[in-house]
PDB file of N, CA and C in Angstrom:
ATOM      1  N   UNK A   1      50.998  -4.576  17.552  1.00  0.00           N
ATOM      2  CA  UNK A   1      52.014  -3.790  16.810  1.00  0.00           C
ATOM      3  C   UNK A   1      53.169  -3.523  17.684  1.00  0.00           C
ATOM      4  N   UNK A   2      52.912  -3.199  18.903  1.00  0.00           N
ATOM      5  CA  UNK A   2      54.060  -2.910  19.864  1.00  0.00           C
ATOM      6  C   UNK A   2      54.965  -4.117  20.134  1.00  0.00           C
ATOM      7  N   UNK A   3      54.376  -5.220  20.143  1.00  0.00           N
ATOM      8  CA  UNK A   3      55.284  -6.494  20.261  1.00  0.00           C
ATOM      9  C   UNK A   3      56.129  -6.548  19.076  1.00  0.00           C
ATOM     10  N   UNK A   4      55.597  -6.306  17.928  1.00  0.00           N
ATOM     11  CA  UNK A   4      56.443  -6.356  16.667  1.00  0.00           C
ATOM     12  C   UNK A   4      57.526  -5.338  16.744  1.00  0.00           C
ATOM     13  N   UNK A   5      57.225  -4.183  17.085  1.00  0.00           N
ATOM     14  CA  UNK A   5      58.281  -3.185  17.136  1.00  0.00           C
ATOM     15  C   UNK A   5      59.320  -3.383  18.154  1.00  0.00           C
ATOM     16  N   UNK A   6      58.898  -3.968  19.372  1.00  0.00           N
ATOM     17  CA  UNK A   6      59.888  -4.268  20.370  1.00  0.00           C
ATOM     18  C   UNK A   6      60.834  -5.482  19.922  1.00  0.00           C
ATOM     19  N   UNK A   7      60.151  -6.347  19.227  1.00  0.00           N
ATOM     20  CA  UNK A   7      60.970  -7.560  18.728  1.00  0.00           C
ATOM     21  C   UNK A   7      61.926  -7.072  17.757  1.00  0.00           C
ATOM     22  N   UNK A   8      61.438  -6.065  16.853  1.00  0.00           N
ATOM     23  CA  UNK A   8      62.475  -5.545  15.815  1.00  0.00           C
ATOM     24  C   UNK A   8      63.645  -4.912  16.385  1.00  0.00           C
ATOM     25  N   UNK A   9      63.339  -4.055  17.539  1.00  0.00           N
ATOM     26  CA  UNK A   9      64.367  -3.473  18.243  1.00  0.00           C
ATOM     27  C   UNK A   9      65.407  -4.460  18.895  1.00  0.00           C
ATOM     28  N   UNK A  10      64.848  -5.498  19.507  1.00  0.00           N
ATOM     29  CA  UNK A  10      65.610  -6.630  20.133  1.00  0.00           C
ATOM     30  C   UNK A  10      66.439  -7.229  18.970  1.00  0.00           C
ATOM     31  N   UNK A  11      65.881  -7.570  17.909  1.00  0.00           N
ATOM     32  CA  UNK A  11      66.639  -8.268  16.764  1.00  0.00           C
ATOM     33  C   UNK A  11      67.704  -7.292  16.341  1.00  0.00           C
ATOM     34  N   UNK A  12      67.449  -6.121  16.175  1.00  0.00           N
ATOM     35  CA  UNK A  12      68.565  -5.197  15.795  1.00  0.00           C
ATOM     36  C   UNK A  12      69.668  -5.221  16.724  1.00  0.00           C
ATOM     37  N   UNK A  13      69.256  -5.018  18.020  1.00  0.00           N
ATOM     38  CA  UNK A  13      70.202  -5.061  19.133  1.00  0.00           C
ATOM     39  C   UNK A  13      71.136  -6.281  19.160  1.00  0.00           C
ATOM     40  N   UNK A  14      70.474  -7.447  19.061  1.00  0.00           N
ATOM     41  CA  UNK A  14      71.214  -8.725  18.934  1.00  0.00           C
ATOM     42  C   UNK A  14      72.126  -8.798  17.738  1.00  0.00           C
ATOM     43  N   UNK A  15      71.686  -8.477  16.572  1.00  0.00           N
ATOM     44  CA  UNK A  15      72.546  -8.445  15.343  1.00  0.00           C
ATOM     45  C   UNK A  15      73.653  -7.467  15.399  1.00  0.00           C
ATOM     46  N   UNK A  16      73.432  -6.289  16.070  1.00  0.00           N
ATOM     47  CA  UNK A  16      74.568  -5.230  16.293  1.00  0.00           C
ATOM     48  C   UNK A  16      75.506  -5.900  17.301  1.00  0.00           C
ATOM     49  N   UNK A  17      75.068  -6.431  18.344  1.00  0.00           N
ATOM     50  CA  UNK A  17      75.956  -6.892  19.382  1.00  0.00           C
ATOM     51  C   UNK A  17      76.897  -7.995  18.904  1.00  0.00           C
ATOM     52  N   UNK A  18      76.248  -8.937  18.197  1.00  0.00           N
ATOM     53  CA  UNK A  18      76.990 -10.170  17.786  1.00  0.00           C
ATOM     54  C   UNK A  18      78.090  -9.666  16.734  1.00  0.00           C
ATOM     55  N   UNK A  19      77.629  -8.774  15.769  1.00  0.00           N
ATOM     56  CA  UNK A  19      78.565  -8.135  14.804  1.00  0.00           C
ATOM     57  C   UNK A  19      79.716  -7.392  15.385  1.00  0.00           C
ATOM     58  N   UNK A  20      79.277  -6.667  16.451  1.00  0.00           N
ATOM     59  CA  UNK A  20      80.393  -5.836  17.042  1.00  0.00           C
ATOM     60  C   UNK A  20      81.377  -6.738  17.836  1.00  0.00           C
ATOM     61  N   UNK A  21      80.805  -7.788  18.437  1.00  0.00           N
ATOM     62  CA  UNK A  21      81.653  -8.706  19.258  1.00  0.00           C
ATOM     63  C   UNK A  21      82.738  -9.356  18.189  1.00  0.00           C
ATOM     64  N   UNK A  22      82.244  -9.603  17.003  1.00  0.00           N
ATOM     65  CA  UNK A  22      83.148 -10.306  16.104  1.00  0.00           C
ATOM     66  C   UNK A  22      84.059  -9.320  15.357  1.00  0.00           C
ATOM     67  N   UNK A  23      83.607  -8.145  15.187  1.00  0.00           N
ATOM     68  CA  UNK A  23      84.459  -7.191  14.340  1.00  0.00           C
ATOM     69  C   UNK A  23      85.100  -6.025  15.181  1.00  0.00           C
ATOM     70  N   UNK A  24      84.448  -5.563  16.245  1.00  0.00           N
ATOM     71  CA  UNK A  24      84.950  -4.427  16.917  1.00  0.00           C
ATOM     72  C   UNK A  24      84.625  -3.147  16.285  1.00  0.00           C
ATOM     73  N   UNK A  25      83.923  -3.230  15.112  1.00  0.00           N
ATOM     74  CA  UNK A  25      83.584  -1.974  14.336  1.00  0.00           C
ATOM     75  C   UNK A  25      82.055  -1.585  14.444  1.00  0.00           C
ATOM     76  N   UNK A  26      81.925  -0.325  14.865  1.00  0.00           N
ATOM     77  CA  UNK A  26      80.575   0.227  15.022  1.00  0.00           C
ATOM     78  C   UNK A  26      79.877   0.232  13.667  1.00  0.00           C
ATOM     79  N   UNK A  27      80.700   0.766  12.628  1.00  0.00           N
ATOM     80  CA  UNK A  27      80.168   0.958  11.304  1.00  0.00           C
ATOM     81  C   UNK A  27      79.776  -0.463  10.656  1.00  0.00           C
ATOM     82  N   UNK A  28      80.609  -1.481  10.757  1.00  0.00           N
ATOM     83  CA  UNK A  28      80.251  -2.746  10.200  1.00  0.00           C
ATOM     84  C   UNK A  28      79.101  -3.368  10.941  1.00  0.00           C
ATOM     85  N   UNK A  29      79.094  -3.230  12.281  1.00  0.00           N
ATOM     86  CA  UNK A  29      78.010  -3.826  13.045  1.00  0.00           C
ATOM     87  C   UNK A  29      76.670  -3.164  12.739  1.00  0.00           C
ATOM     88  N   UNK A  30      76.743  -1.846  12.465  1.00  0.00           N
ATOM     89  CA  UNK A  30      75.469  -1.076  12.183  1.00  0.00           C
ATOM     90  C   UNK A  30      74.886  -1.605  10.755  1.00  0.00           C
ATOM     91  N   UNK A  31      75.999  -1.697   9.877  1.00  0.00           N
ATOM     92  CA  UNK A  31      75.536  -2.175   8.556  1.00  0.00           C
ATOM     93  C   UNK A  31      74.901  -3.553   8.615  1.00  0.00           C
ATOM     94  N   UNK A  32      75.527  -4.546   9.386  1.00  0.00           N
ATOM     95  CA  UNK A  32      75.020  -5.850   9.490  1.00  0.00           C
ATOM     96  C   UNK A  32      73.687  -5.859  10.120  1.00  0.00           C
ATOM     97  N   UNK A  33      73.496  -5.030  11.127  1.00  0.00           N
ATOM     98  CA  UNK A  33      72.277  -5.092  11.844  1.00  0.00           C
ATOM     99  C   UNK A  33      71.219  -4.479  11.033  1.00  0.00           C
ATOM    100  N   UNK A  34      71.456  -3.657  10.087  1.00  0.00           N
ATOM    101  CA  UNK A  34      70.388  -3.083   9.068  1.00  0.00           C
ATOM    102  C   UNK A  34      70.183  -4.009   7.961  1.00  0.00           C
ATOM    103  N   UNK A  35      71.254  -4.604   7.443  1.00  0.00           N
ATOM    104  CA  UNK A  35      71.021  -5.451   6.251  1.00  0.00           C
ATOM    105  C   UNK A  35      70.589  -6.857   6.465  1.00  0.00           C
ATOM    106  N   UNK A  36      70.980  -7.375   7.654  1.00  0.00           N
ATOM    107  CA  UNK A  36      70.592  -8.849   7.991  1.00  0.00           C
ATOM    108  C   UNK A  36      69.097  -8.924   7.999  1.00  0.00           C
ATOM    109  N   UNK A  37      68.243  -8.121   8.618  1.00  0.00           N
ATOM    110  CA  UNK A  37      66.824  -8.309   8.626  1.00  0.00           C
ATOM    111  C   UNK A  37      66.155  -8.115   7.151  1.00  0.00           C
ATOM    112  N   UNK A  38      66.753  -7.465   6.377  1.00  0.00           N
ATOM    113  CA  UNK A  38      66.325  -7.234   5.049  1.00  0.00           C
ATOM    114  C   UNK A  38      66.499  -8.580   4.258  1.00  0.00           C
ATOM    115  N   UNK A  39      67.824  -9.138   4.375  1.00  0.00           N
ATOM    116  CA  UNK A  39      68.051 -10.417   3.822  1.00  0.00           C
ATOM    117  C   UNK A  39      67.154 -11.516   4.411  1.00  0.00           C
ATOM    118  N   UNK A  40      66.863 -11.473   5.641  1.00  0.00           N
ATOM    119  CA  UNK A  40      66.041 -12.490   6.311  1.00  0.00           C
ATOM    120  C   UNK A  40      64.687 -12.329   5.807  1.00  0.00           C
ATOM    121  N   UNK A  41      64.134 -11.219   5.475  1.00  0.00           N
ATOM    122  CA  UNK A  41      62.805 -11.083   4.859  1.00  0.00           C
ATOM    123  C   UNK A  41      62.693 -11.752   3.563  1.00  0.00           C
ATOM    124  N   UNK A  42      63.757 -11.571   2.638  1.00  0.00           N
ATOM    125  CA  UNK A  42      63.632 -12.247   1.395  1.00  0.00           C
ATOM    126  C   UNK A  42      63.838 -13.763   1.487  1.00  0.00           C
ATOM    127  N   UNK A  43      64.644 -14.180   2.368  1.00  0.00           N
ATOM    128  CA  UNK A  43      64.854 -15.632   2.685  1.00  0.00           C
ATOM    129  C   UNK A  43      63.646 -16.212   3.227  1.00  0.00           C
ATOM    130  N   UNK A  44      62.893 -15.561   4.078  1.00  0.00           N
ATOM    131  CA  UNK A  44      61.586 -16.047   4.648  1.00  0.00           C
ATOM    132  C   UNK A  44      60.633 -16.147   3.545  1.00  0.00           C
ATOM    133  N   UNK A  45      60.588 -15.281   2.691  1.00  0.00           N
ATOM    134  CA  UNK A  45      59.531 -15.268   1.626  1.00  0.00           C
ATOM    135  C   UNK A  45      59.628 -16.501   0.770  1.00  0.00           C
ATOM    136  N   UNK A  46      60.984 -16.837   0.322  1.00  0.00           N
ATOM    137  CA  UNK A  46      61.060 -17.943  -0.444  1.00  0.00           C
ATOM    138  C   UNK A  46      60.982 -19.353   0.300  1.00  0.00           C
ATOM    139  N   UNK A  47      61.322 -19.363   1.580  1.00  0.00           N
ATOM    140  CA  UNK A  47      61.110 -20.513   2.502  1.00  0.00           C
ATOM    141  C   UNK A  47      59.599 -20.701   2.624  1.00  0.00           C
ATOM    142  N   UNK A  48      58.793 -19.705   2.821  1.00  0.00           N
ATOM    143  CA  UNK A  48      57.421 -19.926   2.879  1.00  0.00           C
ATOM    144  C   UNK A  48      56.758 -20.652   1.582  1.00  0.00           C
ATOM    145  N   UNK A  49      57.223 -20.138   0.451  1.00  0.00           N
ATOM    146  CA  UNK A  49      56.861 -20.532  -0.841  1.00  0.00           C
ATOM    147  C   UNK A  49      57.186 -22.116  -0.979  1.00  0.00           C
ATOM    148  N   UNK A  50      58.454 -22.381  -0.605  1.00  0.00           N
ATOM    149  CA  UNK A  50      58.934 -23.874  -0.669  1.00  0.00           C
ATOM    150  C   UNK A  50      58.118 -24.672   0.439  1.00  0.00           C
ATOM    151  N   UNK A  51      57.868 -24.194   1.690  1.00  0.00           N
ATOM    152  CA  UNK A  51      57.168 -24.910   2.528  1.00  0.00           C
ATOM    153  C   UNK A  51      55.831 -25.121   2.141  1.00  0.00           C
ATOM    154  N   UNK A  52      55.034 -24.231   1.555  1.00  0.00           N
ATOM    155  CA  UNK A  52      53.705 -24.429   1.144  1.00  0.00           C
ATOM    156  C   UNK A  52      53.676 -25.423   0.087  1.00  0.00           C
ATOM    157  N   UNK A  53      54.634 -25.462  -0.903  1.00  0.00           N
ATOM    158  CA  UNK A  53      54.750 -26.507  -1.897  1.00  0.00           C
ATOM    159  C   UNK A  53      54.898 -27.913  -1.168  1.00  0.00           C
ATOM    160  N   UNK A  54      55.789 -27.963  -0.376  1.00  0.00           N
ATOM    161  CA  UNK A  54      55.987 -29.173   0.356  1.00  0.00           C
ATOM    162  C   UNK A  54      54.662 -29.759   1.086  1.00  0.00           C
ATOM    163  N   UNK A  55      54.054 -28.827   1.743  1.00  0.00           N
ATOM    164  CA  UNK A  55      52.814 -29.156   2.546  1.00  0.00           C
ATOM    165  C   UNK A  55      51.675 -29.580   1.600  1.00  0.00           C
ATOM    166  N   UNK A  56      51.575 -28.919   0.393  1.00  0.00           N
ATOM    167  CA  UNK A  56      50.622 -29.312  -0.539  1.00  0.00           C
ATOM    168  C   UNK A  56      50.895 -30.791  -1.141  1.00  0.00           C
ATOM    169  N   UNK A  57      52.169 -31.092  -1.402  1.00  0.00           N
ATOM    170  CA  UNK A  57      52.598 -32.397  -1.877  1.00  0.00           C
ATOM    171  C   UNK A  57      52.276 -33.417  -0.811  1.00  0.00           C
ATOM    172  N   UNK A  58      52.659 -33.119   0.387  1.00  0.00           N
ATOM    173  CA  UNK A  58      52.365 -34.021   1.569  1.00  0.00           C
ATOM    174  C   UNK A  58      50.886 -34.297   1.687  1.00  0.00           C
ATOM    175  N   UNK A  59      50.109 -33.244   1.587  1.00  0.00           N
ATOM    176  CA  UNK A  59      48.635 -33.536   1.734  1.00  0.00           C
ATOM    177  C   UNK A  59      48.113 -34.190   0.673  1.00  0.00           C
ATOM    178  N   UNK A  60      48.588 -34.132  -0.561  1.00  0.00           N
ATOM    179  CA  UNK A  60      48.163 -34.841  -1.736  1.00  0.00           C
ATOM    180  C   UNK A  60      48.461 -36.340  -1.612  1.00  0.00           C
ATOM    181  N   UNK A  61      49.697 -36.683  -1.048  1.00  0.00           N
ATOM    182  CA  UNK A  61      50.230 -38.041  -0.776  1.00  0.00           C
ATOM    183  C   UNK A  61      49.374 -38.676   0.200  1.00  0.00           C
ATOM    184  N   UNK A  62      49.012 -37.945   1.169  1.00  0.00           N
ATOM    185  CA  UNK A  62      48.195 -38.529   2.379  1.00  0.00           C
ATOM    186  C   UNK A  62      46.763 -38.768   1.951  1.00  0.00           C
ATOM    187  N   UNK A  63      46.277 -37.932   1.038  1.00  0.00           N
ATOM    188  CA  UNK A  63      44.842 -38.166   0.534  1.00  0.00           C
ATOM    189  C   UNK A  63      44.877 -39.427  -0.358  1.00  0.00           C
ATOM    190  N   UNK A  64      45.883 -39.678  -1.099  1.00  0.00           N
ATOM    191  CA  UNK A  64      45.929 -40.788  -2.044  1.00  0.00           C
ATOM    192  C   UNK A  64      46.005 -42.172  -1.218  1.00  0.00           C
ATOM    193  N   UNK A  65      46.746 -42.197  -0.132  1.00  0.00           N
ATOM    194  CA  UNK A  65      46.972 -43.462   0.407  1.00  0.00           C
ATOM    195  C   UNK A  65      46.148 -43.500   1.854  1.00  0.00           C
ATOM    196  N   UNK A  66      45.266 -42.640   1.889  1.00  0.00           N
ATOM    197  CA  UNK A  66      44.322 -42.577   3.116  1.00  0.00           C
ATOM    198  C   UNK A  66      43.487 -43.831   3.333  1.00  0.00           C
ATOM    199  N   UNK A  67      42.804 -44.176   2.184  1.00  0.00           N
ATOM    200  CA  UNK A  67      41.903 -45.252   2.225  1.00  0.00           C
ATOM    201  C   UNK A  67      42.254 -46.261   1.080  1.00  0.00           C
ATOM    202  N   UNK A  68      43.294 -46.929   0.992  1.00  0.00           N
ATOM    203  CA  UNK A  68      43.817 -47.737  -0.078  1.00  0.00           C
ATOM    204  C   UNK A  68      42.847 -48.951  -0.351  1.00  0.00           C
ATOM    205  N   UNK A  69      42.121 -49.426   0.565  1.00  0.00           N
ATOM    206  CA  UNK A  69      41.168 -50.610   0.247  1.00  0.00           C
ATOM    207  C   UNK A  69      39.834 -50.049  -0.373  1.00  0.00           C
ATOM    208  N   UNK A  70      39.578 -48.759  -0.050  1.00  0.00           N
ATOM    209  CA  UNK A  70      38.365 -48.222  -0.702  1.00  0.00           C
ATOM    210  C   UNK A  70      38.510 -48.295  -2.282  1.00  0.00           C
ATOM    211  N   UNK A  71      39.735 -48.163  -2.792  1.00  0.00           N
ATOM    212  CA  UNK A  71      39.882 -48.047  -4.154  1.00  0.00           C
ATOM    213  C   UNK A  71      39.713 -49.442  -4.803  1.00  0.00           C
ATOM    214  N   UNK A  72      39.870 -50.489  -4.059  1.00  0.00           N
ATOM    215  CA  UNK A  72      39.740 -51.880  -4.522  1.00  0.00           C
ATOM    216  C   UNK A  72      38.199 -52.292  -4.471  1.00  0.00           C
ATOM    217  N   UNK A  73      37.273 -51.779  -3.701  1.00  0.00           N
ATOM    218  CA  UNK A  73      35.922 -52.148  -3.676  1.00  0.00           C
ATOM    219  C   UNK A  73      35.364 -51.777  -4.870  1.00  0.00           C
ATOM    220  N   UNK A  74      34.502 -52.781  -5.445  1.00  0.00           N
ATOM    221  CA  UNK A  74      33.707 -52.537  -6.588  1.00  0.00           C
ATOM    222  C   UNK A  74      34.558 -52.796  -7.935  1.00  0.00           C
ATOM    223  N   UNK A  75      35.741 -53.231  -7.884  1.00  0.00           N
ATOM    224  CA  UNK A  75      36.481 -53.526  -9.071  1.00  0.00           C
ATOM    225  C   UNK A  75      36.458 -54.901  -9.530  1.00  0.00           C
TER     226      UNK A  75
END
Protein backbone atom coordinates (compact mmCIF):
# COMPACT_ATOMS: atom_id res chain seq x y z
CA UNK A 1 0.00 0.00 0.00
CA UNK A 2 2.88 2.34 0.76
CA UNK A 3 4.26 1.85 -2.76
CA UNK A 4 0.84 2.73 -4.24
CA UNK A 5 0.56 5.87 -2.12
CA UNK A 6 4.07 7.05 -3.00
CA UNK A 7 3.41 6.39 -6.69
CA UNK A 8 0.18 8.41 -6.49
CA UNK A 9 2.09 11.31 -4.94
CA UNK A 10 4.76 11.02 -7.62
CA UNK A 11 2.11 10.93 -10.35
CA UNK A 12 0.42 14.02 -8.92
CA UNK A 13 3.75 15.83 -8.75
CA UNK A 14 4.66 15.03 -12.34
CA UNK A 15 1.23 16.04 -13.65
CA UNK A 16 1.37 19.27 -11.66
CA UNK A 17 4.92 20.02 -12.81
CA UNK A 18 4.19 19.45 -16.49
CA UNK A 19 0.97 21.49 -16.37
CA UNK A 20 2.72 24.29 -14.50
CA UNK A 21 5.60 24.34 -16.98
CA UNK A 22 3.09 24.63 -19.83
CA UNK A 23 0.69 27.13 -18.28
CA UNK A 24 2.48 28.94 -15.44
CA UNK A 25 -0.76 28.73 -13.46
CA UNK A 26 -0.92 27.05 -10.06
CA UNK A 27 -4.73 26.81 -10.27
CA UNK A 28 -4.79 25.15 -13.68
CA UNK A 29 -1.89 22.89 -12.76
CA UNK A 30 -3.66 21.77 -9.59
CA UNK A 31 -6.85 21.04 -11.50
CA UNK A 32 -4.99 19.08 -14.17
CA UNK A 33 -3.09 17.11 -11.52
CA UNK A 34 -6.38 16.16 -9.82
CA UNK A 35 -8.50 15.52 -12.93
CA UNK A 36 -5.93 13.62 -15.00
CA UNK A 37 -5.70 10.58 -12.68
CA UNK A 38 -9.49 10.37 -12.59
CA UNK A 39 -9.67 10.43 -16.39
CA UNK A 40 -6.87 7.84 -16.55
CA UNK A 41 -8.83 5.55 -14.24
CA UNK A 42 -11.82 5.54 -16.60
CA UNK A 43 -9.64 5.09 -19.68
CA UNK A 44 -7.79 2.21 -18.02
CA UNK A 45 -11.07 0.44 -17.22
CA UNK A 46 -12.18 0.50 -20.86
CA UNK A 47 -8.69 -0.39 -22.07
CA UNK A 48 -8.75 -3.49 -19.85
CA UNK A 49 -12.16 -4.53 -21.20
CA UNK A 50 -10.96 -4.14 -24.80
CA UNK A 51 -7.68 -5.91 -24.06
CA UNK A 52 -9.48 -8.86 -22.45
CA UNK A 53 -11.73 -9.15 -25.50
CA UNK A 54 -8.67 -9.09 -27.78
CA UNK A 55 -6.89 -11.77 -25.72
CA UNK A 56 -9.97 -13.98 -25.71
CA UNK A 57 -10.28 -13.77 -29.51
CA UNK A 58 -6.56 -14.38 -29.94
CA UNK A 59 -6.74 -17.48 -27.74
CA UNK A 60 -9.75 -18.80 -29.63
CA UNK A 61 -7.95 -18.36 -32.96
CA UNK A 62 -4.84 -20.07 -31.58
CA UNK A 63 -6.91 -22.99 -30.33
CA UNK A 64 -8.60 -23.54 -33.71
CA UNK A 65 -5.37 -23.56 -35.72
CA UNK A 66 -3.23 -25.29 -33.13
CA UNK A 67 -3.59 -28.81 -34.59
CA UNK A 68 -4.98 -28.40 -38.13
CA UNK A 69 -4.05 -31.96 -39.19
CA UNK A 70 -5.85 -33.43 -36.22
CA UNK A 71 -9.14 -32.22 -37.73
CA UNK A 72 -8.48 -34.19 -40.94
CA UNK A 73 -7.76 -37.54 -39.27
CA UNK A 74 -10.69 -39.93 -39.42
CA UNK A 75 -12.62 -38.08 -42.15
